[in-house]
Amino acid sequence: MTTALAMVASGLGITVCMPYAAPLVRLHGLRMLPLDAPVLTRRFFVYTREQRSLSPAAAAFSTFLFDWIGAADNPAGALRTRAR
């Protein structure tokens, strides 16, 4: 990411990066513009070992994740607003 930002700062084009790069963007004297359309999504997976049970902590975390994203009622796993 640093190389891409340095290239942009040198006038060699543009780049796309995640919001966590904001400190580096500022360091290079660049600006960030949000990409609003089309809506971009990422897919995440939970990996476990086959035929092994999860520890209680891992099981609780997995349950939390699937409840939070609504995976139980949404096969696409679309993110929904967390209840507070």
PDB file of N, CA and C in Angstrom:
ATOM      1  N   MET A   1       0.820  -1.173   0.000  1.00  0.00           N
ATOM      2  CA  MET A   1       0.000   0.000   0.000  1.00  0.00           C
ATOM      3  C   MET A   1       0.874   1.250   0.000  1.00  0.00           C
ATOM      4  N   THR A   2       1.961   1.220   0.721  1.00  0.00           N
ATOM      5  CA  THR A   2       2.842   2.381   0.780  1.00  0.00           C
ATOM      6  C   THR A   2       3.373   2.727  -0.604  1.00  0.00           C
ATOM      7  N   THR A   3       3.730   1.710  -1.388  1.00  0.00           N
ATOM      8  CA  THR A   3       4.244   1.955  -2.734  1.00  0.00           C
ATOM      9  C   THR A   3       3.179   2.603  -3.607  1.00  0.00           C
ATOM     10  N   ALA A   4       1.951   2.088  -3.537  1.00  0.00           N
ATOM     11  CA  ALA A   4       0.869   2.638  -4.342  1.00  0.00           C
ATOM     12  C   ALA A   4       0.607   4.088  -3.968  1.00  0.00           C
ATOM     13  N   LEU A   5       0.591   4.388  -2.685  1.00  0.00           N
ATOM     14  CA  LEU A   5       0.360   5.772  -2.252  1.00  0.00           C
ATOM     15  C   LEU A   5       1.506   6.687  -2.675  1.00  0.00           C
ATOM     16  N   ALA A   6       2.726   6.199  -2.610  1.00  0.00           N
ATOM     17  CA  ALA A   6       3.879   6.989  -3.050  1.00  0.00           C
ATOM     18  C   ALA A   6       3.795   7.273  -4.545  1.00  0.00           C
ATOM     19  N   MET A   7       3.326   6.297  -5.318  1.00  0.00           N
ATOM     20  CA  MET A   7       3.174   6.496  -6.759  1.00  0.00           C
ATOM     21  C   MET A   7       2.111   7.559  -7.044  1.00  0.00           C
ATOM     22  N   VAL A   8       1.004   7.525  -6.300  1.00  0.00           N
ATOM     23  CA  VAL A   8      -0.037   8.545  -6.468  1.00  0.00           C
ATOM     24  C   VAL A   8       0.528   9.915  -6.108  1.00  0.00           C
ATOM     25  N   ALA A   9       1.260   9.979  -5.005  1.00  0.00           N
ATOM     26  CA  ALA A   9       1.852  11.254  -4.574  1.00  0.00           C
ATOM     27  C   ALA A   9       2.826  11.800  -5.618  1.00  0.00           C
ATOM     28  N   SER A  10       3.424  10.905  -6.401  1.00  0.00           N
ATOM     29  CA  SER A  10       4.353  11.321  -7.459  1.00  0.00           C
ATOM     30  C   SER A  10       3.642  11.671  -8.759  1.00  0.00           C
ATOM     31  N   GLY A  11       2.308  11.550  -8.764  1.00  0.00           N
ATOM     32  CA  GLY A  11       1.545  11.906  -9.962  1.00  0.00           C
ATOM     33  C   GLY A  11       1.401  10.788 -10.965  1.00  0.00           C
ATOM     34  N   LEU A  12       1.620   9.536 -10.533  1.00  0.00           N
ATOM     35  CA  LEU A  12       1.586   8.416 -11.465  1.00  0.00           C
ATOM     36  C   LEU A  12       0.230   7.711 -11.534  1.00  0.00           C
ATOM     37  N   GLY A  13      -0.806   8.308 -10.987  1.00  0.00           N
ATOM     38  CA  GLY A  13      -2.123   7.693 -11.102  1.00  0.00           C
ATOM     39  C   GLY A  13      -2.925   7.784  -9.828  1.00  0.00           C
ATOM     40  N   ILE A  14      -3.842   6.832  -9.660  1.00  0.00           N
ATOM     41  CA  ILE A  14      -4.708   6.765  -8.482  1.00  0.00           C
ATOM     42  C   ILE A  14      -4.632   5.361  -7.910  1.00  0.00           C
ATOM     43  N   THR A  15      -5.171   5.186  -6.715  1.00  0.00           N
ATOM     44  CA  THR A  15      -5.244   3.859  -6.120  1.00  0.00           C
ATOM     45  C   THR A  15      -6.521   3.762  -5.299  1.00  0.00           C
ATOM     46  N   VAL A  16      -6.895   2.558  -4.966  1.00  0.00           N
ATOM     47  CA  VAL A  16      -8.048   2.281  -4.112  1.00  0.00           C
ATOM     48  C   VAL A  16      -7.507   1.575  -2.876  1.00  0.00           C
ATOM     49  N   CYS A  17      -7.930   2.045  -1.705  1.00  0.00           N
ATOM     50  CA  CYS A  17      -7.468   1.405  -0.477  1.00  0.00           C
ATOM     51  C   CYS A  17      -8.559   1.476   0.582  1.00  0.00           C
ATOM     52  N   MET A  18      -8.365   0.756   1.644  1.00  0.00           N
ATOM     53  CA  MET A  18      -9.320   0.700   2.736  1.00  0.00           C
ATOM     54  C   MET A  18      -9.181   1.934   3.629  1.00  0.00           C
ATOM     55  N   PRO A  19     -10.243   2.282   4.371  1.00  0.00           N
ATOM     56  CA  PRO A  19     -10.205   3.473   5.230  1.00  0.00           C
ATOM     57  C   PRO A  19      -9.080   3.474   6.264  1.00  0.00           C
ATOM     58  N   TYR A  20      -8.624   2.289   6.679  1.00  0.00           N
ATOM     59  CA  TYR A  20      -7.558   2.259   7.686  1.00  0.00           C
ATOM     60  C   TYR A  20      -6.248   2.839   7.161  1.00  0.00           C
ATOM     61  N   ALA A  21      -6.174   3.118   5.871  1.00  0.00           N
ATOM     62  CA  ALA A  21      -4.963   3.706   5.299  1.00  0.00           C
ATOM     63  C   ALA A  21      -4.914   5.224   5.459  1.00  0.00           C
ATOM     64  N   ALA A  22      -5.940   5.811   6.085  1.00  0.00           N
ATOM     65  CA  ALA A  22      -6.026   7.270   6.199  1.00  0.00           C
ATOM     66  C   ALA A  22      -4.741   7.925   6.733  1.00  0.00           C
ATOM     67  N   PRO A  23      -4.100   7.384   7.770  1.00  0.00           N
ATOM     68  CA  PRO A  23      -2.865   8.028   8.243  1.00  0.00           C
ATOM     69  C   PRO A  23      -1.777   8.078   7.170  1.00  0.00           C
ATOM     70  N   LEU A  24      -1.647   7.010   6.397  1.00  0.00           N
ATOM     71  CA  LEU A  24      -0.649   7.002   5.319  1.00  0.00           C
ATOM     72  C   LEU A  24      -1.039   7.965   4.209  1.00  0.00           C
ATOM     73  N   VAL A  25      -2.339   8.054   3.938  1.00  0.00           N
ATOM     74  CA  VAL A  25      -2.818   8.984   2.918  1.00  0.00           C
ATOM     75  C   VAL A  25      -2.441  10.411   3.307  1.00  0.00           C
ATOM     76  N   ARG A  26      -2.684  10.758   4.560  1.00  0.00           N
ATOM     77  CA  ARG A  26      -2.328  12.106   5.034  1.00  0.00           C
ATOM     78  C   ARG A  26      -0.812  12.311   4.989  1.00  0.00           C
ATOM     79  N   LEU A  27      -0.072  11.284   5.346  1.00  0.00           N
ATOM     80  CA  LEU A  27       1.390  11.371   5.330  1.00  0.00           C
ATOM     81  C   LEU A  27       1.907  11.726   3.935  1.00  0.00           C
ATOM     82  N   HIS A  28       1.260  11.211   2.910  1.00  0.00           N
ATOM     83  CA  HIS A  28       1.669  11.480   1.531  1.00  0.00           C
ATOM     84  C   HIS A  28       1.015  12.733   0.959  1.00  0.00           C
ATOM     85  N   GLY A  29       0.221  13.442   1.770  1.00  0.00           N
ATOM     86  CA  GLY A  29      -0.414  14.666   1.303  1.00  0.00           C
ATOM     87  C   GLY A  29      -1.516  14.424   0.288  1.00  0.00           C
ATOM     88  N   LEU A  30      -2.182  13.285   0.393  1.00  0.00           N
ATOM     89  CA  LEU A  30      -3.248  12.927  -0.538  1.00  0.00           C
ATOM     90  C   LEU A  30      -4.599  13.099   0.129  1.00  0.00           C
ATOM     91  N   ARG A  31      -5.660  12.938  -0.636  1.00  0.00           N
ATOM     92  CA  ARG A  31      -7.000  12.977  -0.057  1.00  0.00           C
ATOM     93  C   ARG A  31      -7.726  11.689  -0.408  1.00  0.00           C
ATOM     94  N   MET A  32      -8.668  11.329   0.452  1.00  0.00           N
ATOM     95  CA  MET A  32      -9.477  10.129   0.247  1.00  0.00           C
ATOM     96  C   MET A  32     -10.886  10.549  -0.143  1.00  0.00           C
ATOM     97  N   LEU A  33     -11.414   9.904  -1.159  1.00  0.00           N
ATOM     98  CA  LEU A  33     -12.789  10.118  -1.575  1.00  0.00           C
ATOM     99  C   LEU A  33     -13.519   8.777  -1.465  1.00  0.00           C
ATOM    100  N   PRO A  34     -14.670   8.752  -0.801  1.00  0.00           N
ATOM    101  CA  PRO A  34     -15.379   7.479  -0.652  1.00  0.00           C
ATOM    102  C   PRO A  34     -15.947   6.987  -1.977  1.00  0.00           C
ATOM    103  N   LEU A  35     -15.906   5.697  -2.186  1.00  0.00           N
ATOM    104  CA  LEU A  35     -16.554   5.074  -3.338  1.00  0.00           C
ATOM    105  C   LEU A  35     -17.942   4.645  -2.874  1.00  0.00           C
ATOM    106  N   ASP A  36     -18.952   5.400  -3.264  1.00  0.00           N
ATOM    107  CA  ASP A  36     -20.313   5.142  -2.798  1.00  0.00           C
ATOM    108  C   ASP A  36     -21.102   4.226  -3.718  1.00  0.00           C
ATOM    109  N   ALA A  37     -20.779   4.224  -4.989  1.00  0.00           N
ATOM    110  CA  ALA A  37     -21.532   3.395  -5.920  1.00  0.00           C
ATOM    111  C   ALA A  37     -20.558   2.813  -6.933  1.00  0.00           C
ATOM    112  N   PRO A  38     -20.664   1.574  -7.236  1.00  0.00           N
ATOM    113  CA  PRO A  38     -21.606   0.638  -6.646  1.00  0.00           C
ATOM    114  C   PRO A  38     -21.193   0.274  -5.220  1.00  0.00           C
ATOM    115  N   VAL A  39     -22.136  -0.272  -4.485  1.00  0.00           N
ATOM    116  CA  VAL A  39     -21.849  -0.707  -3.127  1.00  0.00           C
ATOM    117  C   VAL A  39     -20.885  -1.891  -3.200  1.00  0.00           C
ATOM    118  N   LEU A  40     -19.793  -1.788  -2.466  1.00  0.00           N
ATOM    119  CA  LEU A  40     -18.790  -2.850  -2.463  1.00  0.00           C
ATOM    120  C   LEU A  40     -18.994  -3.738  -1.242  1.00  0.00           C
ATOM    121  N   THR A  41     -18.829  -5.010  -1.416  1.00  0.00           N
ATOM    122  CA  THR A  41     -18.954  -5.950  -0.298  1.00  0.00           C
ATOM    123  C   THR A  41     -17.738  -6.856  -0.259  1.00  0.00           C
ATOM    124  N   ARG A  42     -17.534  -7.442   0.888  1.00  0.00           N
ATOM    125  CA  ARG A  42     -16.464  -8.420   1.071  1.00  0.00           C
ATOM    126  C   ARG A  42     -17.068  -9.670   1.665  1.00  0.00           C
ATOM    127  N   ARG A  43     -16.507 -10.789   1.324  1.00  0.00           N
ATOM    128  CA  ARG A  43     -16.968 -12.053   1.882  1.00  0.00           C
ATOM    129  C   ARG A  43     -15.959 -12.516   2.920  1.00  0.00           C
ATOM    130  N   PHE A  44     -16.471 -12.953   4.057  1.00  0.00           N
ATOM    131  CA  PHE A  44     -15.639 -13.479   5.124  1.00  0.00           C
ATOM    132  C   PHE A  44     -16.097 -14.888   5.437  1.00  0.00           C
ATOM    133  N   PHE A  45     -15.200 -15.701   5.919  1.00  0.00           N
ATOM    134  CA  PHE A  45     -15.494 -17.088   6.248  1.00  0.00           C
ATOM    135  C   PHE A  45     -15.001 -17.405   7.646  1.00  0.00           C
ATOM    136  N   VAL A  46     -15.673 -18.328   8.292  1.00  0.00           N
ATOM    137  CA  VAL A  46     -15.220 -18.852   9.575  1.00  0.00           C
ATOM    138  C   VAL A  46     -14.668 -20.240   9.284  1.00  0.00           C
ATOM    139  N   TYR A  47     -13.427 -20.456   9.620  1.00  0.00           N
ATOM    140  CA  TYR A  47     -12.780 -21.749   9.382  1.00  0.00           C
ATOM    141  C   TYR A  47     -12.624 -22.493  10.695  1.00  0.00           C
ATOM    142  N   THR A  48     -12.948 -23.781  10.666  1.00  0.00           N
ATOM    143  CA  THR A  48     -12.763 -24.640  11.830  1.00  0.00           C
ATOM    144  C   THR A  48     -12.153 -25.958  11.372  1.00  0.00           C
ATOM    145  N   ARG A  49     -11.622 -26.697  12.288  1.00  0.00           N
ATOM    146  CA  ARG A  49     -11.093 -28.019  11.959  1.00  0.00           C
ATOM    147  C   ARG A  49     -12.241 -29.007  11.874  1.00  0.00           C
ATOM    148  N   GLU A  50     -12.178 -29.904  10.905  1.00  0.00           N
ATOM    149  CA  GLU A  50     -13.219 -30.914  10.756  1.00  0.00           C
ATOM    150  C   GLU A  50     -13.177 -31.897  11.917  1.00  0.00           C
ATOM    151  N   GLN A  51     -14.339 -32.326  12.318  1.00  0.00           N
ATOM    152  CA  GLN A  51     -14.507 -33.351  13.343  1.00  0.00           C
ATOM    153  C   GLN A  51     -13.843 -32.976  14.663  1.00  0.00           C
ATOM    154  N   ARG A  52     -13.789 -31.685  14.947  1.00  0.00           N
ATOM    155  CA  ARG A  52     -13.274 -31.203  16.229  1.00  0.00           C
ATOM    156  C   ARG A  52     -14.274 -30.204  16.763  1.00  0.00           C
ATOM    157  N   SER A  53     -14.573 -30.297  18.035  1.00  0.00           N
ATOM    158  CA  SER A  53     -15.489 -29.320  18.618  1.00  0.00           C
ATOM    159  C   SER A  53     -14.719 -28.048  18.967  1.00  0.00           C
ATOM    160  N   LEU A  54     -15.443 -26.944  18.977  1.00  0.00           N
ATOM    161  CA  LEU A  54     -14.835 -25.670  19.325  1.00  0.00           C
ATOM    162  C   LEU A  54     -14.745 -25.520  20.834  1.00  0.00           C
ATOM    163  N   SER A  55     -13.791 -24.755  21.280  1.00  0.00           N
ATOM    164  CA  SER A  55     -13.719 -24.407  22.695  1.00  0.00           C
ATOM    165  C   SER A  55     -14.953 -23.570  23.014  1.00  0.00           C
ATOM    166  N   PRO A  56     -15.335 -23.465  24.272  1.00  0.00           N
ATOM    167  CA  PRO A  56     -16.483 -22.626  24.616  1.00  0.00           C
ATOM    168  C   PRO A  56     -16.317 -21.174  24.151  1.00  0.00           C
ATOM    169  N   ALA A  57     -15.128 -20.635  24.271  1.00  0.00           N
ATOM    170  CA  ALA A  57     -14.900 -19.256  23.835  1.00  0.00           C
ATOM    171  C   ALA A  57     -15.047 -19.131  22.318  1.00  0.00           C
ATOM    172  N   ALA A  58     -14.483 -20.062  21.566  1.00  0.00           N
ATOM    173  CA  ALA A  58     -14.590 -20.023  20.104  1.00  0.00           C
ATOM    174  C   ALA A  58     -16.033 -20.221  19.659  1.00  0.00           C
ATOM    175  N   ALA A  59     -16.759 -21.112  20.317  1.00  0.00           N
ATOM    176  CA  ALA A  59     -18.167 -21.341  19.982  1.00  0.00           C
ATOM    177  C   ALA A  59     -18.992 -20.079  20.246  1.00  0.00           C
ATOM    178  N   ALA A  60     -18.734 -19.416  21.363  1.00  0.00           N
ATOM    179  CA  ALA A  60     -19.468 -18.191  21.691  1.00  0.00           C
ATOM    180  C   ALA A  60     -19.155 -17.091  20.678  1.00  0.00           C
ATOM    181  N   PHE A  61     -17.903 -16.969  20.295  1.00  0.00           N
ATOM    182  CA  PHE A  61     -17.518 -15.956  19.314  1.00  0.00           C
ATOM    183  C   PHE A  61     -18.163 -16.237  17.967  1.00  0.00           C
ATOM    184  N   SER A  62     -18.168 -17.491  17.535  1.00  0.00           N
ATOM    185  CA  SER A  62     -18.802 -17.867  16.279  1.00  0.00           C
ATOM    186  C   SER A  62     -20.296 -17.550  16.304  1.00  0.00           C
ATOM    187  N   THR A  63     -20.956 -17.874  17.397  1.00  0.00           N
ATOM    188  CA  THR A  63     -22.385 -17.560  17.540  1.00  0.00           C
ATOM    189  C   THR A  63     -22.609 -16.062  17.459  1.00  0.00           C
ATOM    190  N   PHE A  64     -21.783 -15.305  18.158  1.00  0.00           N
ATOM    191  CA  PHE A  64     -21.880 -13.847  18.116  1.00  0.00           C
ATOM    192  C   PHE A  64     -21.755 -13.338  16.683  1.00  0.00           C
ATOM    193  N   LEU A  65     -20.747 -13.813  15.936  1.00  0.00           N
ATOM    194  CA  LEU A  65     -20.539 -13.352  14.566  1.00  0.00           C
ATOM    195  C   LEU A  65     -21.752 -13.617  13.688  1.00  0.00           C
ATOM    196  N   PHE A  66     -22.261 -14.851  13.738  1.00  0.00           N
ATOM    197  CA  PHE A  66     -23.384 -15.190  12.875  1.00  0.00           C
ATOM    198  C   PHE A  66     -24.660 -14.463  13.287  1.00  0.00           C
ATOM    199  N   ASP A  67     -24.843 -14.241  14.561  1.00  0.00           N
ATOM    200  CA  ASP A  67     -25.990 -13.445  15.010  1.00  0.00           C
ATOM    201  C   ASP A  67     -25.860 -11.999  14.533  1.00  0.00           C
ATOM    202  N   TRP A  68     -24.663 -11.451  14.622  1.00  0.00           N
ATOM    203  CA  TRP A  68     -24.429 -10.048  14.289  1.00  0.00           C
ATOM    204  C   TRP A  68     -24.665  -9.761  12.813  1.00  0.00           C
ATOM    205  N   ILE A  69     -24.209 -10.654  11.939  1.00  0.00           N
ATOM    206  CA  ILE A  69     -24.385 -10.413  10.510  1.00  0.00           C
ATOM    207  C   ILE A  69     -25.716 -10.909   9.987  1.00  0.00           C
ATOM    208  N   GLY A  70     -26.473 -11.606  10.810  1.00  0.00           N
ATOM    209  CA  GLY A  70     -27.771 -12.090  10.377  1.00  0.00           C
ATOM    210  C   GLY A  70     -27.694 -13.314   9.496  1.00  0.00           C
ATOM    211  N   ALA A  71     -26.637 -14.090   9.616  1.00  0.00           N
ATOM    212  CA  ALA A  71     -26.463 -15.247   8.749  1.00  0.00           C
ATOM    213  C   ALA A  71     -27.568 -16.279   8.934  1.00  0.00           C
ATOM    214  N   ALA A  72     -28.178 -16.345  10.103  1.00  0.00           N
ATOM    215  CA  ALA A  72     -29.216 -17.341  10.353  1.00  0.00           C
ATOM    216  C   ALA A  72     -30.422 -17.123   9.457  1.00  0.00           C
ATOM    217  N   ASP A  73     -30.737 -15.860   9.138  1.00  0.00           N
ATOM    218  CA  ASP A  73     -31.904 -15.584   8.306  1.00  0.00           C
ATOM    219  C   ASP A  73     -31.541 -14.966   6.955  1.00  0.00           C
ATOM    220  N   ASN A  74     -30.262 -14.918   6.632  1.00  0.00           N
ATOM    221  CA  ASN A  74     -29.833 -14.314   5.382  1.00  0.00           C
ATOM    222  C   ASN A  74     -28.664 -15.118   4.819  1.00  0.00           C
ATOM    223  N   PRO A  75     -28.937 -16.024   3.881  1.00  0.00           N
ATOM    224  CA  PRO A  75     -27.862 -16.869   3.331  1.00  0.00           C
ATOM    225  C   PRO A  75     -26.709 -16.072   2.730  1.00  0.00           C
ATOM    226  N   ALA A  76     -26.981 -14.854   2.267  1.00  0.00           N
ATOM    227  CA  ALA A  76     -25.909 -14.036   1.693  1.00  0.00           C
ATOM    228  C   ALA A  76     -25.022 -13.443   2.773  1.00  0.00           C
ATOM    229  N   GLY A  77     -25.458 -13.502   4.041  1.00  0.00           N
ATOM    230  CA  GLY A  77     -24.660 -12.963   5.134  1.00  0.00           C
ATOM    231  C   GLY A  77     -24.542 -11.458   5.110  1.00  0.00           C
ATOM    232  N   ALA A  78     -25.570 -10.776   4.631  1.00  0.00           N
ATOM    233  CA  ALA A  78     -25.528  -9.312   4.541  1.00  0.00           C
ATOM    234  C   ALA A  78     -25.443  -8.705   5.928  1.00  0.00           C
ATOM    235  N   LEU A  79     -24.630  -7.694   6.042  1.00  0.00           N
ATOM    236  CA  LEU A  79     -24.444  -7.011   7.311  1.00  0.00           C
ATOM    237  C   LEU A  79     -25.702  -6.229   7.659  1.00  0.00           C
ATOM    238  N   ARG A  80     -26.130  -6.308   8.895  1.00  0.00           N
ATOM    239  CA  ARG A  80     -27.267  -5.512   9.357  1.00  0.00           C
ATOM    240  C   ARG A  80     -26.837  -4.705  10.558  1.00  0.00           C
ATOM    241  N   THR A  81     -27.608  -3.721  10.879  1.00  0.00           N
ATOM    242  CA  THR A  81     -27.288  -2.859  12.012  1.00  0.00           C
ATOM    243  C   THR A  81     -27.388  -3.650  13.302  1.00  0.00           C
ATOM    244  N   ARG A  82     -26.371  -3.506  14.142  1.00  0.00           N
ATOM    245  CA  ARG A  82     -26.364  -4.211  15.436  1.00  0.00           C
ATOM    246  C   ARG A  82     -27.375  -3.576  16.360  1.00  0.00           C
ATOM    247  N   ALA A  83     -28.105  -4.415  17.077  1.00  0.00           N
ATOM    248  CA  ALA A  83     -29.019  -3.907  18.104  1.00  0.00           C
ATOM    249  C   ALA A  83     -28.198  -3.433  19.282  1.00  0.00           C
ATOM    250  N   ARG A  84     -28.564  -2.304  19.828  1.00  0.00           N
ATOM    251  CA  ARG A  84     -27.818  -1.761  20.972  1.00  0.00           C
ATOM    252  C   ARG A  84     -28.629  -1.891  22.214  1.00  0.00           C
TER     253      ARG A  84
END
